[in-house]
């Protein structure tokens, strides 16, 4: 995706998802990715609504994906 459209998922996001999905398997990888994306939505919507900003803009995705995978590793 980073090669197709500029400003989307970068190399770090893709490498993290690939490595964690390889380690956790298909179901763990999907669950970790889903949890990470839910964390991303919740945190950014709450933060930007608290700050009163209309345009969310760009933000790093790796910390949220890492948190989602970390929850899966601890719970499974």
Protein backbone atom coordinates (compact mmCIF):
# COMPACT_ATOMS: atom_id res chain seq x y z
CA UNK A 1 0.00 0.00 0.00
CA UNK A 2 2.89 2.36 0.70
CA UNK A 3 4.02 2.02 -2.91
CA UNK A 4 0.55 2.61 -4.37
CA UNK A 5 -0.53 5.70 -2.44
CA UNK A 6 1.78 8.12 -0.67
CA UNK A 7 1.03 8.80 3.01
CA UNK A 8 -0.60 5.46 3.85
CA UNK A 9 0.78 2.48 5.75
CA UNK A 10 4.54 2.63 5.81
CA UNK A 11 7.15 -0.06 5.93
CA UNK A 12 7.19 -0.35 9.70
CA UNK A 13 3.48 -1.07 9.97
CA UNK A 14 3.62 -3.75 7.32
CA UNK A 15 6.68 -5.42 8.86
CA UNK A 16 5.12 -5.42 12.34
CA UNK A 17 1.86 -6.94 11.10
CA UNK A 18 3.72 -9.58 9.12
CA UNK A 19 6.03 -10.57 11.96
CA UNK A 20 3.32 -10.67 14.62
CA UNK A 21 0.93 -12.58 12.37
CA UNK A 22 3.68 -15.09 11.59
CA UNK A 23 4.34 -15.56 15.30
CA UNK A 24 0.71 -15.64 16.47
CA UNK A 25 -0.82 -17.43 13.50
CA UNK A 26 -3.73 -16.34 11.36
CA UNK A 27 -6.33 -16.07 14.11
CA UNK A 28 -4.00 -14.32 16.55
CA UNK A 29 -2.77 -11.98 13.84
CA UNK A 30 -6.28 -10.98 12.84
CA UNK A 31 -7.33 -10.53 16.46
CA UNK A 32 -4.25 -8.42 17.26
CA UNK A 33 -4.72 -6.26 14.17
CA UNK A 34 -8.39 -5.77 14.98
CA UNK A 35 -7.67 -4.83 18.58
CA UNK A 36 -4.93 -2.45 17.49
CA UNK A 37 -7.22 -0.71 15.03
CA UNK A 38 -9.97 -0.45 17.66
CA UNK A 39 -7.43 1.11 20.07
CA UNK A 40 -6.44 3.53 17.31
CA UNK A 41 -9.99 4.63 16.66
CA UNK A 42 -10.91 5.00 20.33
CA UNK A 43 -7.83 6.89 21.40
CA UNK A 44 -7.74 9.25 18.42
CA UNK A 45 -11.45 10.03 18.43
CA UNK A 46 -11.35 10.78 22.16
CA UNK A 47 -8.14 12.81 21.91
CA UNK A 48 -9.18 14.92 18.94
CA UNK A 49 -12.68 15.52 20.29
CA UNK A 50 -11.16 16.59 23.63
CA UNK A 51 -8.82 18.98 21.84
CA UNK A 52 -11.67 20.24 19.66
CA UNK A 53 -9.91 19.51 16.37
CA UNK A 54 -11.87 18.72 13.22
CA UNK A 55 -9.06 17.30 11.06
CA UNK A 56 -7.46 14.21 12.56
CA UNK A 57 -4.49 14.26 10.18
CA UNK A 58 -1.68 11.74 10.37
CA UNK A 59 -0.66 9.72 13.39
CA UNK A 60 1.57 6.67 13.93
CA UNK A 61 -0.20 3.32 13.83
CA UNK A 62 2.59 1.11 15.19
CA UNK A 63 2.03 1.81 18.92
CA UNK A 64 -1.64 0.87 18.67
CA UNK A 65 -0.97 -2.26 16.64
CA UNK A 66 1.75 -3.23 19.10
CA UNK A 67 -0.70 -2.80 21.96
CA UNK A 68 -3.26 -4.99 20.22
CA UNK A 69 -0.70 -7.73 19.63
CA UNK A 70 0.56 -7.42 23.19
CA UNK A 71 -2.96 -8.02 24.54
CA UNK A 72 -3.27 -11.11 22.35
CA UNK A 73 0.09 -12.46 23.53
CA UNK A 74 -0.87 -11.96 27.18
CA UNK A 75 -4.34 -13.44 26.85
CA UNK A 76 -3.67 -16.42 24.58
